[in-house]
Amino acid sequence: MVDRTKTAKSFRDKTVRQFTVFLENKVGRLHDLAKLLGSHHIHICALNVIEMADAAIARIIVSDPDEARNVFNETAVAHSECVVLAVELPEGAEGLDKVFSALLEAEINIKFGYSMMIRPHDKAVLALCVEDEDLALDVLRQHDYNVLGQSDISR
């Protein structure tokens, strides 16, 4: 029988929290976001910005998600959270197709992904949001990929 408590803890240990922050599409809004977080000693470890006509969506992974959540709530920054997997690419960009193939074989849909600015073990890291995080984590482990947890990037 599977110990669900142990499985859930293992899953939590190997996931990363991503914030989606809603910004006005105006000059300086990203600067303001980085400055706000920096003033609380929170570092942006990954960034993906989607531009729309009058707004921008910034997907960010930060060094201290609990503190970032507090800062966003205290300053009324519109945001949401989700879980992403931070996958190390041992071959760098050349190995990207292998990660996608492993997930495709298991019929796991990738909602979105982007590269991270940090390299805890001197390897490229890809943040992936997938439909089934538990299954994706198992598949990636079976294919010998290292999936980082928040503690790996929060140094």
N, C-alpha and C. Protein backbone atom coordinates (compact mmCIF):
# COMPACT_ATOMS: atom_id res chain seq x y z
N MET A 1 0.84 -1.18 0.00
CA MET A 1 0.00 0.00 0.00
C MET A 1 0.89 1.25 0.00
N VAL A 2 0.48 2.26 -0.75
CA VAL A 2 1.25 3.50 -0.88
C VAL A 2 0.98 4.41 0.31
N ASP A 3 2.03 4.91 0.91
CA ASP A 3 1.90 5.87 2.01
C ASP A 3 1.67 7.25 1.41
N ARG A 4 0.41 7.69 1.39
CA ARG A 4 0.05 8.96 0.75
C ARG A 4 0.71 10.16 1.43
N THR A 5 0.92 10.09 2.73
CA THR A 5 1.58 11.18 3.44
C THR A 5 3.00 11.36 2.94
N LYS A 6 3.70 10.25 2.80
CA LYS A 6 5.08 10.30 2.31
C LYS A 6 5.11 10.76 0.86
N THR A 7 4.17 10.26 0.03
CA THR A 7 4.10 10.65 -1.37
C THR A 7 3.81 12.13 -1.51
N ALA A 8 2.85 12.63 -0.73
CA ALA A 8 2.50 14.05 -0.79
C ALA A 8 3.67 14.93 -0.37
N LYS A 9 4.38 14.52 0.68
CA LYS A 9 5.54 15.29 1.14
C LYS A 9 6.63 15.27 0.08
N SER A 10 6.87 14.11 -0.51
CA SER A 10 7.87 13.99 -1.57
C SER A 10 7.52 14.90 -2.74
N PHE A 11 6.23 14.93 -3.10
CA PHE A 11 5.79 15.80 -4.19
C PHE A 11 6.01 17.26 -3.84
N ARG A 12 5.60 17.66 -2.63
CA ARG A 12 5.78 19.05 -2.19
C ARG A 12 7.24 19.46 -2.18
N ASP A 13 8.10 18.54 -1.80
CA ASP A 13 9.53 18.84 -1.74
C ASP A 13 10.14 19.05 -3.12
N LYS A 14 9.49 18.56 -4.15
CA LYS A 14 10.04 18.65 -5.51
C LYS A 14 9.18 19.51 -6.43
N THR A 15 8.50 20.48 -5.86
CA THR A 15 7.75 21.43 -6.67
C THR A 15 8.17 22.84 -6.28
N VAL A 16 7.79 23.76 -7.12
CA VAL A 16 8.13 25.17 -6.93
C VAL A 16 6.84 25.96 -7.11
N ARG A 17 6.67 27.01 -6.31
CA ARG A 17 5.50 27.88 -6.44
C ARG A 17 5.80 28.97 -7.45
N GLN A 18 4.85 29.17 -8.36
CA GLN A 18 4.96 30.26 -9.33
C GLN A 18 3.84 31.25 -9.05
N PHE A 19 4.17 32.53 -9.12
CA PHE A 19 3.16 33.58 -9.01
C PHE A 19 2.89 34.13 -10.39
N THR A 20 1.63 34.37 -10.66
CA THR A 20 1.23 35.11 -11.85
C THR A 20 0.76 36.46 -11.34
N VAL A 21 1.47 37.50 -11.76
CA VAL A 21 1.19 38.86 -11.27
C VAL A 21 0.61 39.66 -12.42
N PHE A 22 -0.48 40.34 -12.15
CA PHE A 22 -1.18 41.11 -13.17
C PHE A 22 -0.74 42.57 -13.05
N LEU A 23 -0.21 43.11 -14.15
CA LEU A 23 0.35 44.46 -14.16
C LEU A 23 -0.29 45.29 -15.26
N GLU A 24 -0.32 46.60 -15.06
CA GLU A 24 -0.68 47.49 -16.15
C GLU A 24 0.43 47.42 -17.19
N ASN A 25 0.06 47.52 -18.44
CA ASN A 25 1.06 47.51 -19.51
C ASN A 25 1.59 48.93 -19.70
N LYS A 26 2.40 49.36 -18.73
CA LYS A 26 2.97 50.70 -18.75
C LYS A 26 4.46 50.61 -18.44
N VAL A 27 5.19 51.58 -18.93
CA VAL A 27 6.62 51.64 -18.68
C VAL A 27 6.88 51.65 -17.17
N GLY A 28 7.80 50.81 -16.74
CA GLY A 28 8.23 50.82 -15.35
C GLY A 28 7.53 49.85 -14.42
N ARG A 29 6.49 49.17 -14.89
CA ARG A 29 5.75 48.27 -13.98
C ARG A 29 6.59 47.06 -13.56
N LEU A 30 7.39 46.50 -14.46
CA LEU A 30 8.28 45.40 -14.07
C LEU A 30 9.33 45.88 -13.08
N HIS A 31 9.84 47.07 -13.32
CA HIS A 31 10.80 47.67 -12.39
C HIS A 31 10.19 47.80 -11.00
N ASP A 32 8.95 48.29 -10.96
CA ASP A 32 8.26 48.45 -9.67
C ASP A 32 8.11 47.10 -8.96
N LEU A 33 7.77 46.06 -9.72
CA LEU A 33 7.61 44.73 -9.14
C LEU A 33 8.94 44.22 -8.57
N ALA A 34 10.00 44.34 -9.36
CA ALA A 34 11.32 43.89 -8.91
C ALA A 34 11.79 44.69 -7.69
N LYS A 35 11.52 45.98 -7.70
CA LYS A 35 11.93 46.84 -6.58
C LYS A 35 11.15 46.48 -5.31
N LEU A 36 9.85 46.24 -5.46
CA LEU A 36 9.02 45.85 -4.32
C LEU A 36 9.55 44.56 -3.70
N LEU A 37 9.78 43.56 -4.52
CA LEU A 37 10.28 42.29 -4.00
C LEU A 37 11.68 42.45 -3.42
N GLY A 38 12.53 43.17 -4.12
CA GLY A 38 13.90 43.38 -3.66
C GLY A 38 13.97 44.09 -2.32
N SER A 39 13.03 44.99 -2.08
CA SER A 39 13.02 45.71 -0.80
C SER A 39 12.71 44.78 0.37
N HIS A 40 12.20 43.59 0.06
CA HIS A 40 11.93 42.57 1.09
C HIS A 40 12.90 41.40 0.98
N HIS A 41 14.00 41.63 0.26
CA HIS A 41 15.06 40.63 0.09
C HIS A 41 14.55 39.37 -0.61
N ILE A 42 13.62 39.56 -1.54
CA ILE A 42 13.08 38.46 -2.34
C ILE A 42 13.64 38.61 -3.74
N HIS A 43 14.24 37.54 -4.25
CA HIS A 43 14.86 37.58 -5.57
C HIS A 43 13.99 36.87 -6.59
N ILE A 44 13.92 37.44 -7.78
CA ILE A 44 13.20 36.79 -8.88
C ILE A 44 14.16 35.80 -9.52
N CYS A 45 13.79 34.53 -9.51
CA CYS A 45 14.63 33.44 -10.04
C CYS A 45 14.24 33.04 -11.45
N ALA A 46 13.02 33.38 -11.86
CA ALA A 46 12.55 33.10 -13.21
C ALA A 46 11.49 34.13 -13.55
N LEU A 47 11.44 34.50 -14.82
CA LEU A 47 10.50 35.53 -15.27
C LEU A 47 10.03 35.23 -16.68
N ASN A 48 8.72 35.33 -16.87
CA ASN A 48 8.12 35.21 -18.19
C ASN A 48 7.02 36.26 -18.25
N VAL A 49 7.06 37.13 -19.25
CA VAL A 49 6.07 38.20 -19.36
C VAL A 49 5.25 38.01 -20.63
N ILE A 50 3.95 38.11 -20.46
CA ILE A 50 3.03 38.04 -21.59
C ILE A 50 2.37 39.40 -21.71
N GLU A 51 2.50 40.01 -22.88
CA GLU A 51 1.95 41.35 -23.10
C GLU A 51 0.59 41.25 -23.75
N MET A 52 -0.32 42.07 -23.28
CA MET A 52 -1.63 42.22 -23.89
C MET A 52 -1.83 43.71 -24.16
N ALA A 53 -2.95 44.07 -24.74
CA ALA A 53 -3.18 45.46 -25.13
C ALA A 53 -3.00 46.44 -23.98
N ASP A 54 -3.67 46.21 -22.88
CA ASP A 54 -3.60 47.18 -21.78
C ASP A 54 -3.13 46.57 -20.46
N ALA A 55 -2.61 45.35 -20.53
CA ALA A 55 -2.13 44.69 -19.32
C ALA A 55 -0.95 43.80 -19.66
N ALA A 56 -0.28 43.37 -18.64
CA ALA A 56 0.81 42.41 -18.80
C ALA A 56 0.67 41.37 -17.69
N ILE A 57 1.02 40.15 -18.03
CA ILE A 57 1.01 39.08 -17.05
C ILE A 57 2.46 38.65 -16.85
N ALA A 58 2.92 38.75 -15.62
CA ALA A 58 4.29 38.35 -15.29
C ALA A 58 4.23 37.06 -14.48
N ARG A 59 4.79 36.00 -15.05
CA ARG A 59 4.93 34.75 -14.31
C ARG A 59 6.31 34.79 -13.66
N ILE A 60 6.35 34.62 -12.35
CA ILE A 60 7.63 34.70 -11.65
C ILE A 60 7.78 33.54 -10.66
N ILE A 61 9.01 33.13 -10.50
CA ILE A 61 9.39 32.21 -9.44
C ILE A 61 10.37 32.99 -8.58
N VAL A 62 10.14 32.97 -7.28
CA VAL A 62 10.94 33.80 -6.38
C VAL A 62 11.66 32.96 -5.34
N SER A 63 12.62 33.59 -4.69
CA SER A 63 13.43 32.90 -3.68
C SER A 63 12.66 32.60 -2.39
N ASP A 64 11.63 33.37 -2.09
CA ASP A 64 10.87 33.18 -0.85
C ASP A 64 9.37 33.36 -1.15
N PRO A 65 8.71 32.30 -1.60
CA PRO A 65 7.30 32.44 -1.99
C PRO A 65 6.37 32.83 -0.84
N ASP A 66 6.63 32.37 0.37
CA ASP A 66 5.77 32.73 1.50
C ASP A 66 5.82 34.23 1.77
N GLU A 67 7.03 34.77 1.77
CA GLU A 67 7.18 36.22 2.00
C GLU A 67 6.61 37.01 0.82
N ALA A 68 6.81 36.52 -0.40
CA ALA A 68 6.26 37.21 -1.57
C ALA A 68 4.73 37.27 -1.48
N ARG A 69 4.11 36.17 -1.10
CA ARG A 69 2.65 36.13 -0.94
C ARG A 69 2.22 37.19 0.08
N ASN A 70 2.93 37.27 1.20
CA ASN A 70 2.61 38.28 2.22
C ASN A 70 2.73 39.69 1.66
N VAL A 71 3.82 39.95 0.94
CA VAL A 71 4.04 41.28 0.36
C VAL A 71 2.93 41.61 -0.63
N PHE A 72 2.59 40.67 -1.49
CA PHE A 72 1.53 40.90 -2.48
C PHE A 72 0.19 41.18 -1.79
N ASN A 73 -0.12 40.42 -0.76
CA ASN A 73 -1.39 40.62 -0.05
C ASN A 73 -1.41 41.96 0.68
N GLU A 74 -0.30 42.32 1.32
CA GLU A 74 -0.23 43.59 2.06
C GLU A 74 -0.27 44.81 1.15
N THR A 75 0.22 44.67 -0.08
CA THR A 75 0.28 45.81 -1.00
C THR A 75 -0.77 45.73 -2.10
N ALA A 76 -1.70 44.81 -1.96
CA ALA A 76 -2.82 44.64 -2.90
C ALA A 76 -2.37 44.41 -4.35
N VAL A 77 -1.31 43.64 -4.51
CA VAL A 77 -0.85 43.27 -5.86
C VAL A 77 -1.70 42.08 -6.32
N ALA A 78 -2.38 42.25 -7.45
CA ALA A 78 -3.22 41.18 -7.98
C ALA A 78 -2.33 40.02 -8.44
N HIS A 79 -2.61 38.83 -7.92
CA HIS A 79 -1.76 37.69 -8.24
C HIS A 79 -2.53 36.38 -8.04
N SER A 80 -1.98 35.34 -8.61
CA SER A 80 -2.45 33.98 -8.35
C SER A 80 -1.22 33.10 -8.22
N GLU A 81 -1.41 31.87 -7.77
CA GLU A 81 -0.30 30.93 -7.59
C GLU A 81 -0.61 29.61 -8.25
N CYS A 82 0.44 28.92 -8.67
CA CYS A 82 0.30 27.55 -9.14
C CYS A 82 1.61 26.81 -8.90
N VAL A 83 1.56 25.51 -9.08
CA VAL A 83 2.73 24.66 -8.92
C VAL A 83 3.39 24.46 -10.27
N VAL A 84 4.71 24.55 -10.32
CA VAL A 84 5.47 24.20 -11.52
C VAL A 84 6.58 23.23 -11.13
N LEU A 85 7.06 22.50 -12.12
CA LEU A 85 8.19 21.61 -11.93
C LEU A 85 9.42 22.28 -12.51
N ALA A 86 10.50 22.33 -11.76
CA ALA A 86 11.77 22.92 -12.22
C ALA A 86 12.69 21.76 -12.58
N VAL A 87 12.84 21.53 -13.88
CA VAL A 87 13.55 20.36 -14.37
C VAL A 87 14.95 20.76 -14.84
N GLU A 88 15.96 20.10 -14.30
CA GLU A 88 17.33 20.35 -14.77
C GLU A 88 17.54 19.64 -16.10
N LEU A 89 18.21 20.33 -17.02
CA LEU A 89 18.51 19.78 -18.33
C LEU A 89 20.00 19.46 -18.39
N PRO A 90 20.38 18.20 -18.19
CA PRO A 90 21.80 17.86 -18.13
C PRO A 90 22.55 18.16 -19.42
N GLU A 91 21.84 18.17 -20.54
CA GLU A 91 22.48 18.46 -21.83
C GLU A 91 22.21 19.88 -22.30
N GLY A 92 21.63 20.69 -21.46
CA GLY A 92 21.28 22.05 -21.85
C GLY A 92 20.16 22.04 -22.87
N ALA A 93 20.15 23.02 -23.74
CA ALA A 93 19.09 23.15 -24.74
C ALA A 93 19.01 21.95 -25.67
N GLU A 94 20.13 21.27 -25.87
CA GLU A 94 20.15 20.11 -26.77
C GLU A 94 19.25 18.99 -26.26
N GLY A 95 18.98 18.94 -24.97
CA GLY A 95 18.19 17.86 -24.39
C GLY A 95 16.71 18.18 -24.22
N LEU A 96 16.29 19.33 -24.69
CA LEU A 96 14.91 19.77 -24.50
C LEU A 96 13.91 18.79 -25.11
N ASP A 97 14.21 18.30 -26.30
CA ASP A 97 13.29 17.37 -26.96
C ASP A 97 13.11 16.08 -26.16
N LYS A 98 14.13 15.66 -25.43
CA LYS A 98 14.04 14.43 -24.64
C LYS A 98 13.08 14.59 -23.46
N VAL A 99 13.10 15.75 -22.84
CA VAL A 99 12.16 16.02 -21.76
C VAL A 99 10.74 15.99 -22.32
N PHE A 100 10.53 16.68 -23.43
CA PHE A 100 9.21 16.72 -24.05
C PHE A 100 8.76 15.33 -24.48
N SER A 101 9.67 14.53 -25.01
CA SER A 101 9.34 13.17 -25.44
C SER A 101 8.90 12.31 -24.26
N ALA A 102 9.60 12.42 -23.15
CA ALA A 102 9.25 11.64 -21.96
C ALA A 102 7.83 11.98 -21.50
N LEU A 103 7.50 13.26 -21.49
CA LEU A 103 6.17 13.68 -21.07
C LEU A 103 5.11 13.30 -22.11
N LEU A 104 5.46 13.38 -23.38
CA LEU A 104 4.53 13.00 -24.46
C LEU A 104 4.19 11.52 -24.39
N GLU A 105 5.19 10.69 -24.16
CA GLU A 105 4.96 9.24 -24.05
C GLU A 105 3.94 8.92 -22.96
N ALA A 106 3.92 9.71 -21.91
CA ALA A 106 2.97 9.51 -20.81
C ALA A 106 1.68 10.31 -21.03
N GLU A 107 1.58 10.96 -22.18
CA GLU A 107 0.41 11.77 -22.55
C GLU A 107 0.14 12.88 -21.53
N ILE A 108 1.22 13.52 -21.10
CA ILE A 108 1.12 14.64 -20.15
C ILE A 108 1.19 15.93 -20.95
N ASN A 109 0.15 16.75 -20.82
CA ASN A 109 0.10 18.02 -21.52
C ASN A 109 0.91 19.08 -20.78
N ILE A 110 1.71 19.82 -21.53
CA ILE A 110 2.46 20.95 -20.98
C ILE A 110 1.63 22.20 -21.23
N LYS A 111 1.23 22.87 -20.17
CA LYS A 111 0.45 24.10 -20.30
C LYS A 111 1.33 25.26 -20.75
N PHE A 112 2.48 25.40 -20.10
CA PHE A 112 3.46 26.41 -20.49
C PHE A 112 4.78 26.10 -19.83
N GLY A 113 5.82 26.74 -20.32
CA GLY A 113 7.14 26.55 -19.75
C GLY A 113 8.03 27.73 -20.10
N TYR A 114 9.09 27.89 -19.34
CA TYR A 114 10.07 28.95 -19.59
C TYR A 114 11.34 28.61 -18.83
N SER A 115 12.43 29.22 -19.25
CA SER A 115 13.71 28.93 -18.60
C SER A 115 13.86 29.76 -17.33
N MET A 116 14.65 29.23 -16.43
CA MET A 116 14.92 29.93 -15.18
C MET A 116 16.28 30.61 -15.25
N MET A 117 16.46 31.66 -14.47
CA MET A 117 17.71 32.42 -14.49
C MET A 117 18.75 31.86 -13.55
N ILE A 118 18.36 30.92 -12.71
CA ILE A 118 19.31 30.35 -11.77
C ILE A 118 19.74 28.97 -12.24
N ARG A 119 20.93 28.56 -11.81
CA ARG A 119 21.47 27.24 -12.15
C ARG A 119 22.12 26.66 -10.90
N PRO A 120 21.32 26.09 -10.01
CA PRO A 120 21.87 25.61 -8.74
C PRO A 120 22.99 24.59 -8.89
N HIS A 121 22.93 23.75 -9.89
CA HIS A 121 23.96 22.73 -10.09
C HIS A 121 24.69 22.95 -11.42
N ASP A 122 24.76 24.20 -11.85
CA ASP A 122 25.42 24.58 -13.10
C ASP A 122 24.79 23.95 -14.34
N LYS A 123 23.49 23.70 -14.29
CA LYS A 123 22.76 23.14 -15.42
C LYS A 123 21.58 24.03 -15.74
N ALA A 124 21.19 24.05 -17.01
CA ALA A 124 20.00 24.80 -17.40
C ALA A 124 18.79 24.22 -16.67
N VAL A 125 17.85 25.10 -16.33
CA VAL A 125 16.64 24.67 -15.63
C VAL A 125 15.42 25.19 -16.38
N LEU A 126 14.45 24.30 -16.58
CA LEU A 126 13.22 24.62 -17.28
C LEU A 126 12.05 24.52 -16.30
N ALA A 127 11.26 25.58 -16.19
CA ALA A 127 10.05 25.56 -15.36
C ALA A 127 8.90 25.11 -16.25
N LEU A 128 8.19 24.07 -15.82
CA LEU A 128 7.07 23.53 -16.59
C LEU A 128 5.81 23.47 -15.76
N CYS A 129 4.73 23.96 -16.32
CA CYS A 129 3.41 23.79 -15.73
C CYS A 129 2.72 22.71 -16.55
N VAL A 130 2.33 21.63 -15.91
CA VAL A 130 1.75 20.48 -16.60
C VAL A 130 0.38 20.16 -16.01
N GLU A 131 -0.39 19.36 -16.75
CA GLU A 131 -1.74 19.01 -16.28
C GLU A 131 -1.73 18.06 -15.09
N ASP A 132 -0.79 17.15 -15.03
CA ASP A 132 -0.75 16.17 -13.94
C ASP A 132 0.65 16.18 -13.32
N GLU A 133 0.82 17.00 -12.28
CA GLU A 133 2.14 17.17 -11.67
C GLU A 133 2.68 15.88 -11.07
N ASP A 134 1.81 15.11 -10.41
CA ASP A 134 2.26 13.85 -9.79
C ASP A 134 2.82 12.89 -10.82
N LEU A 135 2.06 12.68 -11.89
CA LEU A 135 2.49 11.76 -12.94
C LEU A 135 3.75 12.29 -13.63
N ALA A 136 3.78 13.59 -13.91
CA ALA A 136 4.95 14.18 -14.57
C ALA A 136 6.20 14.00 -13.72
N LEU A 137 6.07 14.20 -12.43
CA LEU A 137 7.21 14.02 -11.53
C LEU A 137 7.71 12.58 -11.58
N ASP A 138 6.80 11.63 -11.54
CA ASP A 138 7.18 10.22 -11.64
C ASP A 138 7.87 9.92 -12.96
N VAL A 139 7.30 10.40 -14.06
CA VAL A 139 7.87 10.15 -15.39
C VAL A 139 9.26 10.75 -15.51
N LEU A 140 9.42 11.98 -15.06
CA LEU A 140 10.73 12.63 -15.15
C LEU A 140 11.77 11.90 -14.31
N ARG A 141 11.37 11.45 -13.15
CA ARG A 141 12.29 10.67 -12.30
C ARG A 141 12.68 9.35 -12.98
N GLN A 142 11.71 8.69 -13.61
CA GLN A 142 11.98 7.43 -14.31
C GLN A 142 12.97 7.63 -15.45
N HIS A 143 12.98 8.83 -16.02
CA HIS A 143 13.92 9.16 -17.11
C HIS A 143 15.18 9.83 -16.57
N ASP A 144 15.40 9.73 -15.28
CA ASP A 144 16.61 10.24 -14.61
C ASP A 144 16.80 11.75 -14.67
N TYR A 145 15.70 12.49 -14.71
CA TYR A 145 15.80 13.94 -14.64
C TYR A 145 15.75 14.37 -13.18
N ASN A 146 16.55 15.36 -12.84
CA ASN A 146 16.51 15.93 -11.50
C ASN A 146 15.48 17.05 -11.49
N VAL A 147 14.49 16.92 -10.64
CA VAL A 147 13.47 17.95 -10.49
C VAL A 147 13.76 18.68 -9.19
N LEU A 148 13.95 19.98 -9.29
CA LEU A 148 14.33 20.80 -8.14
C LEU A 148 13.11 21.17 -7.31
N GLY A 149 13.33 21.34 -6.03
CA GLY A 149 12.31 21.84 -5.14
C GLY A 149 12.61 23.28 -4.77
N GLN A 150 11.69 23.90 -4.05
CA GLN A 150 11.89 25.29 -3.65
C GLN A 150 13.18 25.48 -2.87
N SER A 151 13.52 24.52 -2.03
CA SER A 151 14.75 24.64 -1.22
C SER A 151 16.00 24.65 -2.10
N ASP A 152 15.93 24.05 -3.29
CA ASP A 152 17.08 24.04 -4.19
C ASP A 152 17.34 25.42 -4.81
N ILE A 153 16.28 26.20 -4.97
CA ILE A 153 16.44 27.50 -5.63
C ILE A 153 16.43 28.67 -4.66
N SER A 154 16.08 28.43 -3.41
CA SER A 154 15.93 29.53 -2.44
C SER A 154 17.19 29.91 -1.71
N ARG A 155 18.24 29.24 -1.88
CA ARG A 155 19.53 29.48 -1.21
C ARG A 155 19.55 30.66 -0.30
